[in-house]
C-alpha atoms as a PDB file:
ATOM      1  CA  UNK A   1      -9.523   9.291  14.082  1.00  0.00           C
ATOM      2  CA  UNK A   2     -10.515   7.149  11.118  1.00  0.00           C
ATOM      3  CA  UNK A   3     -13.782   6.017  12.696  1.00  0.00           C
ATOM      4  CA  UNK A   4     -15.968   7.605  15.335  1.00  0.00           C
ATOM      5  CA  UNK A   5     -16.238   5.760  18.652  1.00  0.00           C
ATOM      6  CA  UNK A   6     -19.377   6.487  20.686  1.00  0.00           C
ATOM      7  CA  UNK A   7     -19.727   4.989  24.184  1.00  0.00           C
ATOM      8  CA  UNK A   8     -23.198   3.427  24.428  1.00  0.00           C
ATOM      9  CA  UNK A   9     -25.676   3.656  27.282  1.00  0.00           C
ATOM     10  CA  UNK A  10     -25.319  -0.105  27.645  1.00  0.00           C
ATOM     11  CA  UNK A  11     -22.447  -1.121  29.893  1.00  0.00           C
ATOM     12  CA  UNK A  12     -18.965  -1.206  28.432  1.00  0.00           C
ATOM     13  CA  UNK A  13     -19.906  -1.171  24.744  1.00  0.00           C
ATOM     14  CA  UNK A  14     -19.015   1.370  22.067  1.00  0.00           C
ATOM     15  CA  UNK A  15     -20.508   2.071  18.654  1.00  0.00           C
ATOM     16  CA  UNK A  16     -17.833   2.356  15.973  1.00  0.00           C
ATOM     17  CA  UNK A  17     -18.942   3.957  12.710  1.00  0.00           C
ATOM     18  CA  UNK A  18     -17.427   5.305   9.529  1.00  0.00           C
ATOM     19  CA  UNK A  19     -18.603   6.442   6.115  1.00  0.00           C
ATOM     20  CA  UNK A  20     -16.943   7.113   2.781  1.00  0.00           C
ATOM     21  CA  UNK A  21     -17.910   7.492  -0.865  1.00  0.00           C
ATOM     22  CA  UNK A  22     -16.275   8.501  -4.116  1.00  0.00           C
ATOM     23  CA  UNK A  23     -16.527   8.632  -7.893  1.00  0.00           C
ATOM     24  CA  UNK A  24     -15.588   5.762 -10.219  1.00  0.00           C
ATOM     25  CA  UNK A  25     -11.875   5.515 -10.931  1.00  0.00           C
ATOM     26  CA  UNK A  26     -11.615   2.137 -12.694  1.00  0.00           C
ATOM     27  CA  UNK A  27     -13.507   1.004 -15.777  1.00  0.00           C
ATOM     28  CA  UNK A  28     -14.786  -2.304 -14.360  1.00  0.00           C
ATOM     29  CA  UNK A  29     -18.042  -1.701 -12.434  1.00  0.00           C
ATOM     30  CA  UNK A  30     -17.720  -4.915 -10.401  1.00  0.00           C
ATOM     31  CA  UNK A  31     -14.195  -3.999  -9.236  1.00  0.00           C
ATOM     32  CA  UNK A  32     -15.401  -0.461  -8.532  1.00  0.00           C
ATOM     33  CA  UNK A  33     -17.988  -1.878  -6.133  1.00  0.00           C
ATOM     34  CA  UNK A  34     -15.311  -3.956  -4.379  1.00  0.00           C
ATOM     35  CA  UNK A  35     -12.943  -1.005  -4.086  1.00  0.00           C
ATOM     36  CA  UNK A  36     -15.683   1.220  -2.625  1.00  0.00           C
ATOM     37  CA  UNK A  37     -16.591  -1.365   0.004  1.00  0.00           C
ATOM     38  CA  UNK A  38     -12.956  -2.115   0.853  1.00  0.00           C
ATOM     39  CA  UNK A  39     -12.359   1.610   1.285  1.00  0.00           C
ATOM     40  CA  UNK A  40     -15.310   2.005   3.673  1.00  0.00           C
ATOM     41  CA  UNK A  41     -14.376  -0.854   6.036  1.00  0.00           C
ATOM     42  CA  UNK A  42     -10.701   0.135   5.943  1.00  0.00           C
ATOM     43  CA  UNK A  43     -11.446   2.909   8.469  1.00  0.00           C
ATOM     44  CA  UNK A  44     -12.601   0.267  10.963  1.00  0.00           C
ATOM     45  CA  UNK A  45      -9.450  -1.768  10.329  1.00  0.00           C
ATOM     46  CA  UNK A  46      -7.296   1.310  10.960  1.00  0.00           C
ATOM     47  CA  UNK A  47      -8.732   1.314  14.498  1.00  0.00           C
ATOM     48  CA  UNK A  48      -7.835  -2.368  14.914  1.00  0.00           C
ATOM     49  CA  UNK A  49     -11.514  -3.330  14.644  1.00  0.00           C
ATOM     50  CA  UNK A  50     -11.705  -6.591  12.691  1.00  0.00           C
ATOM     51  CA  UNK A  51     -15.463  -7.282  12.766  1.00  0.00           C
ATOM     52  CA  UNK A  52     -18.133  -5.229  11.021  1.00  0.00           C
ATOM     53  CA  UNK A  53     -21.740  -5.801  12.123  1.00  0.00           C
ATOM     54  CA  UNK A  54     -23.542  -4.075   9.261  1.00  0.00           C
ATOM     55  CA  UNK A  55     -22.978  -2.021   6.129  1.00  0.00           C
ATOM     56  CA  UNK A  56     -25.164   0.438   4.268  1.00  0.00           C
ATOM     57  CA  UNK A  57     -24.572   1.138   0.583  1.00  0.00           C
ATOM     58  CA  UNK A  58     -24.790   4.625  -0.926  1.00  0.00           C
ATOM     59  CA  UNK A  59     -25.230   4.695  -4.683  1.00  0.00           C
ATOM     60  CA  UNK A  60     -25.798   7.567  -7.105  1.00  0.00           C
ATOM     61  CA  UNK A  61     -26.456   6.642 -10.708  1.00  0.00           C
ATOM     62  CA  UNK A  62     -25.619   9.198 -13.367  1.00  0.00           C
ATOM     63  CA  UNK A  63     -28.379  10.849 -15.414  1.00  0.00           C
ATOM     64  CA  UNK A  64     -26.007  10.534 -18.380  1.00  0.00           C
ATOM     65  CA  UNK A  65     -26.242   6.732 -18.460  1.00  0.00           C
ATOM     66  CA  UNK A  66     -28.596   5.214 -21.024  1.00  0.00           C
ATOM     67  CA  UNK A  67     -31.157   2.727 -19.681  1.00  0.00           C
ATOM     68  CA  UNK A  68     -29.068  -0.104 -21.117  1.00  0.00           C
ATOM     69  CA  UNK A  69     -25.858   1.172 -19.487  1.00  0.00           C
ATOM     70  CA  UNK A  70     -27.613   1.612 -16.163  1.00  0.00           C
ATOM     71  CA  UNK A  71     -29.090  -1.902 -16.305  1.00  0.00           C
ATOM     72  CA  UNK A  72     -25.622  -3.373 -16.884  1.00  0.00           C
ATOM     73  CA  UNK A  73     -23.475  -1.160 -14.645  1.00  0.00           C
ATOM     74  CA  UNK A  74     -25.530  -0.818 -11.479  1.00  0.00           C
ATOM     75  CA  UNK A  75     -26.071  -4.548 -10.712  1.00  0.00           C
ATOM     76  CA  UNK A  76     -22.320  -5.140 -11.234  1.00  0.00           C
ATOM     77  CA  UNK A  77     -21.321  -2.339  -8.859  1.00  0.00           C
ATOM     78  CA  UNK A  78     -23.809  -3.575  -6.278  1.00  0.00           C
ATOM     79  CA  UNK A  79     -22.560  -7.154  -6.629  1.00  0.00           C
ATOM     80  CA  UNK A  80     -18.923  -6.065  -6.216  1.00  0.00           C
ATOM     81  CA  UNK A  81     -19.787  -4.114  -3.074  1.00  0.00           C
ATOM     82  CA  UNK A  82     -21.799  -7.024  -1.685  1.00  0.00           C
ATOM     83  CA  UNK A  83     -19.118  -9.643  -2.452  1.00  0.00           C
ATOM     84  CA  UNK A  84     -16.464  -7.545  -0.739  1.00  0.00           C
ATOM     85  CA  UNK A  85     -18.726  -7.102   2.309  1.00  0.00           C
ATOM     86  CA  UNK A  86     -19.073 -10.896   2.466  1.00  0.00           C
ATOM     87  CA  UNK A  87     -15.283 -11.264   2.295  1.00  0.00           C
ATOM     88  CA  UNK A  88     -15.166  -8.920   5.296  1.00  0.00           C
ATOM     89  CA  UNK A  89     -17.568 -11.213   7.179  1.00  0.00           C
ATOM     90  CA  UNK A  90     -20.450  -8.740   7.074  1.00  0.00           C
ATOM     91  CA  UNK A  91     -23.458  -7.928   4.901  1.00  0.00           C
ATOM     92  CA  UNK A  92     -25.225  -4.949   3.373  1.00  0.00           C
ATOM     93  CA  UNK A  93     -28.581  -4.196   4.982  1.00  0.00           C
ATOM     94  CA  UNK A  94     -29.916  -0.807   3.962  1.00  0.00           C
ATOM     95  CA  UNK A  95     -28.736   2.268   2.128  1.00  0.00           C
ATOM     96  CA  UNK A  96     -29.941   4.762  -0.441  1.00  0.00           C
ATOM     97  CA  UNK A  97     -29.899   5.099  -4.233  1.00  0.00           C
ATOM     98  CA  UNK A  98     -30.406   8.377  -6.093  1.00  0.00           C
ATOM     99  CA  UNK A  99     -30.043   9.729  -9.630  1.00  0.00           C
ATOM    100  CA  UNK A 100     -27.329  12.363  -9.869  1.00  0.00           C
ATOM    101  CA  UNK A 101     -25.140  14.185 -12.444  1.00  0.00           C
ATOM    102  CA  UNK A 102     -22.205  11.921 -11.435  1.00  0.00           C
ATOM    103  CA  UNK A 103     -21.859   8.295 -10.431  1.00  0.00           C
ATOM    104  CA  UNK A 104     -21.047   7.899  -6.726  1.00  0.00           C
ATOM    105  CA  UNK A 105     -20.529   4.737  -4.729  1.00  0.00           C
ATOM    106  CA  UNK A 106     -19.773   4.325  -1.042  1.00  0.00           C
ATOM    107  CA  UNK A 107     -21.354   3.336   2.208  1.00  0.00           C
ATOM    108  CA  UNK A 108     -21.373   3.153   5.979  1.00  0.00           C
ATOM    109  CA  UNK A 109     -19.761   0.522   8.204  1.00  0.00           C
ATOM    110  CA  UNK A 110     -21.000  -0.010  11.745  1.00  0.00           C
ATOM    111  CA  UNK A 111     -19.888  -2.251  14.566  1.00  0.00           C
ATOM    112  CA  UNK A 112     -20.493  -2.567  18.306  1.00  0.00           C
ATOM    113  CA  UNK A 113     -17.290  -3.198  20.269  1.00  0.00           C
ATOM    114  CA  UNK A 114     -15.900  -3.960  23.655  1.00  0.00           C
ATOM    115  CA  UNK A 115     -12.919  -1.763  24.692  1.00  0.00           C
ATOM    116  CA  UNK A 116     -10.341  -4.485  23.929  1.00  0.00           C
ATOM    117  CA  UNK A 117     -11.537  -4.749  20.326  1.00  0.00           C
ATOM    118  CA  UNK A 118     -10.240  -1.368  19.139  1.00  0.00           C
ATOM    119  CA  UNK A 119      -6.793   0.181  19.309  1.00  0.00           C
ATOM    120  CA  UNK A 120      -6.574   3.909  19.968  1.00  0.00           C
ATOM    121  CA  UNK A 121      -4.239   5.582  17.479  1.00  0.00           C
ATOM    122  CA  UNK A 122      -2.329   7.813  19.903  1.00  0.00           C
ATOM    123  CA  UNK A 123       0.215   5.615  21.736  1.00  0.00           C
ATOM    124  CA  UNK A 124       3.347   5.730  19.535  1.00  0.00           C
ATOM    125  CA  UNK A 125       6.613   5.918  21.494  1.00  0.00           C
ATOM    126  CA  UNK A 126      10.178   6.877  20.567  1.00  0.00           C
ATOM    127  CA  UNK A 127      11.860   3.828  19.032  1.00  0.00           C
ATOM    128  CA  UNK A 128       8.717   2.455  17.345  1.00  0.00           C
ATOM    129  CA  UNK A 129       8.872   1.790  13.616  1.00  0.00           C
ATOM    130  CA  UNK A 130       6.324   2.604  10.919  1.00  0.00           C
ATOM    131  CA  UNK A 131       4.970  -0.205   8.758  1.00  0.00           C
ATOM    132  CA  UNK A 132       2.949   0.173   5.538  1.00  0.00           C
ATOM    133  CA  UNK A 133       0.820  -2.729   4.263  1.00  0.00           C
ATOM    134  CA  UNK A 134       0.130  -1.749   0.611  1.00  0.00           C
ATOM    135  CA  UNK A 135       2.308  -0.073  -2.032  1.00  0.00           C
ATOM    136  CA  UNK A 136       1.770   3.568  -3.015  1.00  0.00           C
ATOM    137  CA  UNK A 137       1.012   4.903  -6.494  1.00  0.00           C
ATOM    138  CA  UNK A 138      -2.666   4.040  -7.104  1.00  0.00           C
ATOM    139  CA  UNK A 139      -3.542   7.546  -8.334  1.00  0.00           C
ATOM    140  CA  UNK A 140      -0.567   7.631 -10.711  1.00  0.00           C
ATOM    141  CA  UNK A 141      -1.398   4.157 -12.086  1.00  0.00           C
ATOM    142  CA  UNK A 142      -5.063   4.976 -12.692  1.00  0.00           C
ATOM    143  CA  UNK A 143      -4.203   8.290 -14.393  1.00  0.00           C
ATOM    144  CA  UNK A 144      -1.460   6.766 -16.555  1.00  0.00           C
ATOM    145  CA  UNK A 145      -3.950   4.126 -17.732  1.00  0.00           C
ATOM    146  CA  UNK A 146      -6.492   6.827 -18.693  1.00  0.00           C
ATOM    147  CA  UNK A 147      -3.744   8.652 -20.629  1.00  0.00           C
ATOM    148  CA  UNK A 148      -3.260   5.702 -22.995  1.00  0.00           C
ATOM    149  CA  UNK A 149      -6.134   7.275 -24.983  1.00  0.00           C
ATOM    150  CA  UNK A 150      -4.884  10.887 -24.653  1.00  0.00           C
ATOM    151  CA  UNK A 151      -1.860  11.386 -26.955  1.00  0.00           C
ATOM    152  CA  UNK A 152      -0.801  14.752 -25.502  1.00  0.00           C
ATOM    153  CA  UNK A 153      -0.674  13.263 -21.974  1.00  0.00           C
ATOM    154  CA  UNK A 154       0.787   9.925 -23.099  1.00  0.00           C
ATOM    155  CA  UNK A 155       3.641  11.703 -24.894  1.00  0.00           C
ATOM    156  CA  UNK A 156       4.782  13.110 -21.533  1.00  0.00           C
ATOM    157  CA  UNK A 157       5.341   9.684 -20.002  1.00  0.00           C
ATOM    158  CA  UNK A 158       5.976   7.281 -22.914  1.00  0.00           C
ATOM    159  CA  UNK A 159       9.746   7.789 -22.643  1.00  0.00           C
ATOM    160  CA  UNK A 160       9.827   6.310 -19.126  1.00  0.00           C
ATOM    161  CA  UNK A 161       7.149   3.630 -19.338  1.00  0.00           C
ATOM    162  CA  UNK A 162       5.705   1.195 -21.894  1.00  0.00           C
ATOM    163  CA  UNK A 163       2.037   0.625 -22.622  1.00  0.00           C
ATOM    164  CA  UNK A 164       2.360  -2.847 -21.107  1.00  0.00           C
ATOM    165  CA  UNK A 165       3.927  -1.394 -17.919  1.00  0.00           C
ATOM    166  CA  UNK A 166       0.979   0.965 -17.549  1.00  0.00           C
ATOM    167  CA  UNK A 167      -1.640  -1.750 -18.079  1.00  0.00           C
ATOM    168  CA  UNK A 168       0.105  -3.918 -15.474  1.00  0.00           C
ATOM    169  CA  UNK A 169       0.377  -1.055 -12.990  1.00  0.00           C
ATOM    170  CA  UNK A 170      -3.337  -0.347 -13.446  1.00  0.00           C
ATOM    171  CA  UNK A 171      -4.211  -4.007 -12.778  1.00  0.00           C
ATOM    172  CA  UNK A 172      -1.956  -3.997  -9.710  1.00  0.00           C
ATOM    173  CA  UNK A 173      -3.542  -0.794  -8.419  1.00  0.00           C
ATOM    174  CA  UNK A 174      -7.061  -2.112  -9.017  1.00  0.00           C
ATOM    175  CA  UNK A 175      -6.504  -5.383  -7.139  1.00  0.00           C
ATOM    176  CA  UNK A 176      -4.584  -3.633  -4.355  1.00  0.00           C
ATOM    177  CA  UNK A 177      -7.434  -1.130  -3.826  1.00  0.00           C
ATOM    178  CA  UNK A 178      -9.990  -3.963  -3.694  1.00  0.00           C
ATOM    179  CA  UNK A 179      -7.996  -5.892  -1.066  1.00  0.00           C
ATOM    180  CA  UNK A 180      -9.188  -5.697   2.531  1.00  0.00           C
ATOM    181  CA  UNK A 181      -6.924  -4.455   5.333  1.00  0.00           C
ATOM    182  CA  UNK A 182      -8.503  -6.995   7.668  1.00  0.00           C
ATOM    183  CA  UNK A 183      -5.444  -9.235   8.186  1.00  0.00           C
ATOM    184  CA  UNK A 184      -3.403  -6.160   9.098  1.00  0.00           C
ATOM    185  CA  UNK A 185      -6.028  -5.188  11.679  1.00  0.00           C
ATOM    186  CA  UNK A 186      -5.932  -8.690  13.230  1.00  0.00           C
ATOM    187  CA  UNK A 187      -2.151  -8.586  13.442  1.00  0.00           C
ATOM    188  CA  UNK A 188      -2.151  -5.124  15.040  1.00  0.00           C
ATOM    189  CA  UNK A 189      -3.487  -6.856  18.175  1.00  0.00           C
ATOM    190  CA  UNK A 190      -1.049  -9.764  17.976  1.00  0.00           C
ATOM    191  CA  UNK A 191       2.010  -7.489  17.626  1.00  0.00           C
ATOM    192  CA  UNK A 192       0.954  -4.747  20.078  1.00  0.00           C
ATOM    193  CA  UNK A 193       0.455  -1.855  17.640  1.00  0.00           C
ATOM    194  CA  UNK A 194       0.609   1.594  19.218  1.00  0.00           C
ATOM    195  CA  UNK A 195      -1.715   3.194  16.671  1.00  0.00           C
ATOM    196  CA  UNK A 196      -2.539   3.251  12.968  1.00  0.00           C
ATOM    197  CA  UNK A 197      -4.330   5.026  10.151  1.00  0.00           C
ATOM    198  CA  UNK A 198      -5.101   4.097   6.563  1.00  0.00           C
ATOM    199  CA  UNK A 199      -3.468   5.898   3.661  1.00  0.00           C
ATOM    200  CA  UNK A 200      -6.112   7.434   1.417  1.00  0.00           C
ATOM    201  CA  UNK A 201      -6.941  10.858  -0.040  1.00  0.00           C
ATOM    202  CA  UNK A 202      -4.347  12.985   1.775  1.00  0.00           C
ATOM    203  CA  UNK A 203      -1.462  10.807   0.562  1.00  0.00           C
ATOM    204  CA  UNK A 204       1.179   9.128   2.718  1.00  0.00           C
ATOM    205  CA  UNK A 205       2.579  12.320   4.240  1.00  0.00           C
ATOM    206  CA  UNK A 206      -0.847  13.836   4.908  1.00  0.00           C
ATOM    207  CA  UNK A 207      -2.024  10.791   6.821  1.00  0.00           C
ATOM    208  CA  UNK A 208       1.325  10.356   8.609  1.00  0.00           C
ATOM    209  CA  UNK A 209       1.015  13.984   9.745  1.00  0.00           C
ATOM    210  CA  UNK A 210      -2.570  13.464  10.921  1.00  0.00           C
ATOM    211  CA  UNK A 211      -1.460  10.446  12.952  1.00  0.00           C
ATOM    212  CA  UNK A 212       1.571  12.280  14.386  1.00  0.00           C
ATOM    213  CA  UNK A 213      -0.535  15.283  15.461  1.00  0.00           C
ATOM    214  CA  UNK A 214      -2.790  13.270  17.770  1.00  0.00           C
ATOM    215  CA  UNK A 215      -0.014  11.403  19.635  1.00  0.00           C
ATOM    216  CA  UNK A 216       0.051  11.640  23.440  1.00  0.00           C
ATOM    217  CA  UNK A 217       3.860  11.611  23.484  1.00  0.00           C
ATOM    218  CA  UNK A 218       6.113  14.267  21.949  1.00  0.00           C
ATOM    219  CA  UNK A 219       7.139  12.263  18.916  1.00  0.00           C
ATOM    220  CA  UNK A 220       7.764  12.786  15.217  1.00  0.00           C
ATOM    221  CA  UNK A 221       7.590  10.359  12.293  1.00  0.00           C
ATOM    222  CA  UNK A 222      10.454  10.086   9.800  1.00  0.00           C
ATOM    223  CA  UNK A 223       9.857   8.119   6.588  1.00  0.00           C
ATOM    224  CA  UNK A 224      12.865   6.675   4.704  1.00  0.00           C
ATOM    225  CA  UNK A 225      11.362   4.096   2.325  1.00  0.00           C
ATOM    226  CA  UNK A 226       8.596   4.400  -0.270  1.00  0.00           C
ATOM    227  CA  UNK A 227       7.197   1.097  -1.623  1.00  0.00           C
ATOM    228  CA  UNK A 228       5.650   2.066  -4.967  1.00  0.00           C
ATOM    229  CA  UNK A 229       3.805   0.093  -7.655  1.00  0.00           C
ATOM    230  CA  UNK A 230       6.494  -0.740 -10.256  1.00  0.00           C
ATOM    231  CA  UNK A 231       7.391   2.078 -12.702  1.00  0.00           C
ATOM    232  CA  UNK A 232       5.034   4.611 -11.109  1.00  0.00           C
ATOM    233  CA  UNK A 233       7.852   6.576  -9.432  1.00  0.00           C
ATOM    234  CA  UNK A 234       9.310   7.260 -12.901  1.00  0.00           C
ATOM    235  CA  UNK A 235       5.887   8.284 -14.241  1.00  0.00           C
ATOM    236  CA  UNK A 236       5.363  10.681 -11.326  1.00  0.00           C
ATOM    237  CA  UNK A 237       8.807  12.238 -11.890  1.00  0.00           C
ATOM    238  CA  UNK A 238       8.089  12.682 -15.609  1.00  0.00           C
ATOM    239  CA  UNK A 239       4.939  14.641 -14.690  1.00  0.00           C
ATOM    240  CA  UNK A 240       6.780  17.271 -12.625  1.00  0.00           C
ATOM    241  CA  UNK A 241       4.691  18.437  -9.679  1.00  0.00           C
ATOM    242  CA  UNK A 242       1.391  16.948 -10.811  1.00  0.00           C
ATOM    243  CA  UNK A 243       1.307  14.031  -8.327  1.00  0.00           C
ATOM    244  CA  UNK A 244       4.113  14.556  -5.812  1.00  0.00           C
ATOM    245  CA  UNK A 245       4.307  10.795  -5.231  1.00  0.00           C
ATOM    246  CA  UNK A 246       7.901  10.857  -3.933  1.00  0.00           C
ATOM    247  CA  UNK A 247       7.030  13.767  -1.636  1.00  0.00           C
ATOM    248  CA  UNK A 248       4.132  11.789  -0.117  1.00  0.00           C
ATOM    249  CA  UNK A 249       1.428  14.076  -1.534  1.00  0.00           C
ATOM    250  CA  UNK A 250      -0.145  11.792  -4.146  1.00  0.00           C
ATOM    251  CA  UNK A 251      -3.677  10.766  -3.150  1.00  0.00           C
ATOM    252  CA  UNK A 252      -4.236   7.059  -2.649  1.00  0.00           C
ATOM    253  CA  UNK A 253      -7.539   5.215  -2.804  1.00  0.00           C
ATOM    254  CA  UNK A 254      -8.148   2.324  -0.412  1.00  0.00           C
ATOM    255  CA  UNK A 255      -4.447   2.311   0.513  1.00  0.00           C
ATOM    256  CA  UNK A 256      -2.648   0.300   3.157  1.00  0.00           C
ATOM    257  CA  UNK A 257      -2.487   0.633   6.920  1.00  0.00           C
ATOM    258  CA  UNK A 258       0.275   2.843   8.315  1.00  0.00           C
ATOM    259  CA  UNK A 259       1.034   1.309  11.704  1.00  0.00           C
ATOM    260  CA  UNK A 260       3.318   2.334  14.579  1.00  0.00           C
ATOM    261  CA  UNK A 261       4.721  -0.929  15.975  1.00  0.00           C
ATOM    262  CA  UNK A 262       7.295  -1.736  18.668  1.00  0.00           C
ATOM    263  CA  UNK A 263      10.643  -2.120  16.867  1.00  0.00           C
ATOM    264  CA  UNK A 264      11.163  -5.710  18.042  1.00  0.00           C
ATOM    265  CA  UNK A 265       7.732  -6.765  16.688  1.00  0.00           C
ATOM    266  CA  UNK A 266       7.740  -5.097  13.262  1.00  0.00           C
ATOM    267  CA  UNK A 267       9.725  -7.663  11.282  1.00  0.00           C
ATOM    268  CA  UNK A 268       7.550 -10.473  12.669  1.00  0.00           C
ATOM    269  CA  UNK A 269       4.412  -8.499  11.712  1.00  0.00           C
ATOM    270  CA  UNK A 270       5.679  -8.132   8.111  1.00  0.00           C
ATOM    271  CA  UNK A 271       6.576 -11.824   7.907  1.00  0.00           C
ATOM    272  CA  UNK A 272       3.223 -12.895   9.343  1.00  0.00           C
ATOM    273  CA  UNK A 273       1.093 -10.721   7.037  1.00  0.00           C
ATOM    274  CA  UNK A 274       3.015 -11.969   3.972  1.00  0.00           C
ATOM    275  CA  UNK A 275       2.551 -15.571   5.106  1.00  0.00           C
ATOM    276  CA  UNK A 276      -1.211 -15.103   5.590  1.00  0.00           C
ATOM    277  CA  UNK A 277      -2.005 -12.891   2.599  1.00  0.00           C
ATOM    278  CA  UNK A 278       0.780 -13.525   0.110  1.00  0.00           C
ATOM    279  CA  UNK A 279       1.427  -9.773  -0.087  1.00  0.00           C
ATOM    280  CA  UNK A 280       4.328  -7.853   1.405  1.00  0.00           C
ATOM    281  CA  UNK A 281       4.362  -5.148   4.067  1.00  0.00           C
ATOM    282  CA  UNK A 282       7.313  -2.805   4.564  1.00  0.00           C
ATOM    283  CA  UNK A 283       9.072  -1.010   7.399  1.00  0.00           C
ATOM    284  CA  UNK A 284       9.106   2.521   5.985  1.00  0.00           C
ATOM    285  CA  UNK A 285      10.193   4.766   8.853  1.00  0.00           C
ATOM    286  CA  UNK A 286      10.781   5.420  12.528  1.00  0.00           C
ATOM    287  CA  UNK A 287       9.244   7.247  15.471  1.00  0.00           C
ATOM    288  CA  UNK A 288      11.693   9.673  17.087  1.00  0.00           C
ATOM    289  CA  UNK A 289      11.476  12.475  19.634  1.00  0.00           C
ATOM    290  CA  UNK A 290       9.739  15.355  17.883  1.00  0.00           C
ATOM    291  CA  UNK A 291       6.970  17.912  17.588  1.00  0.00           C
ATOM    292  CA  UNK A 292       4.074  15.667  16.502  1.00  0.00           C
ATOM    293  CA  UNK A 293       4.700  16.020  12.780  1.00  0.00           C
ATOM    294  CA  UNK A 294       5.867  13.726   9.976  1.00  0.00           C
ATOM    295  CA  UNK A 295       8.471  14.154   7.263  1.00  0.00           C
ATOM    296  CA  UNK A 296       9.934  12.181   4.382  1.00  0.00           C
ATOM    297  CA  UNK A 297      13.736  12.374   4.082  1.00  0.00           C
ATOM    298  CA  UNK A 298      15.208  14.241   1.085  1.00  0.00           C
ATOM    299  CA  UNK A 299      16.162  11.159  -0.910  1.00  0.00           C
ATOM    300  CA  UNK A 300      13.898   8.326   0.208  1.00  0.00           C
ATOM    301  CA  UNK A 301      14.622   4.808  -1.030  1.00  0.00           C
ATOM    302  CA  UNK A 302      12.068   3.805  -3.649  1.00  0.00           C
ATOM    303  CA  UNK A 303      11.122   0.124  -3.411  1.00  0.00           C
ATOM    304  CA  UNK A 304       9.661  -1.067  -6.733  1.00  0.00           C
ATOM    305  CA  UNK A 305       6.727  -3.427  -6.130  1.00  0.00           C
ATOM    306  CA  UNK A 306       7.144  -6.098  -7.310  1.00  0.00           C
ATOM    307  CA  UNK A 307      10.946  -5.986  -7.513  1.00  0.00           C
ATOM    308  CA  UNK A 308      11.013  -8.528 -10.367  1.00  0.00           C
ATOM    309  CA  UNK A 309       8.448  -9.199 -13.097  1.00  0.00           C
ATOM    310  CA  UNK A 310       7.210 -12.783 -13.292  1.00  0.00           C
ATOM    311  CA  UNK A 311       5.510 -13.966 -16.478  1.00  0.00           C
ATOM    312  CA  UNK A 312       1.750 -14.164 -16.079  1.00  0.00           C
ATOM    313  CA  UNK A 313       1.827 -12.928 -12.460  1.00  0.00           C
ATOM    314  CA  UNK A 314       0.914  -9.491 -11.186  1.00  0.00           C
ATOM    315  CA  UNK A 315       2.938  -9.612  -7.969  1.00  0.00           C
END
């Protein structure tokens, strides 16, 4: 499960907790703080928990930073984390800061719940469909952006993508990673979700497999559609086996919710989340009779996100 659920001694309540941390992957410290916080609370949202009672922040500052760098970078990261926590309707009270060879940022999210406030992830049934609430390709976008300064790497991909495409994809990835999955968690209740997980370090297929393995029913997940940040499918292909984006292996950071929904509710869920957030969700696959595993079909349909470029707009 994405978060641990501990029944409390006090009647009918459970403690729901999760932790996560990672190394910087964008060059804006404020956005890095937001992404880290969004990533931590996402594990609550994957359980359908929409309220977070408290957060702790974990911060490691690198020994390699000069005093000046540290004085600029650390308050920005902390502010980003704090602002994102406020967006999530919670606050940061407590944590730990250390000095370390590498920068690390992350935290802990804690909430106390009644049983109707979380959705167990193990109730998918044959005929359900799989919905994804954020596009894939964050790892590819972040790497491609770093390669703009590395000629030998850039030469591998410059035939399939322009510098402007890469900068846009990086911006899209950064804002997508910083976006909370909270609306999706709310709507999981409204549209009777049968279980969910969030797509992070194991990639789409890894997390789909994890979710399939814990199902009560003998089901399998089949994925037909891959919504991908525009141009990143071509970049992944140009890099051979490095990312495996089209095979579902590429790691994501702070990715979307992968939700098993009743077929008759899924389209309404996608419409509702787009209306509330202004961002799309996609039906990407189905739940069929199977052996509790997930697969992506041989030639999945790649959905470029966004489908059309609009001047001055990211999405």
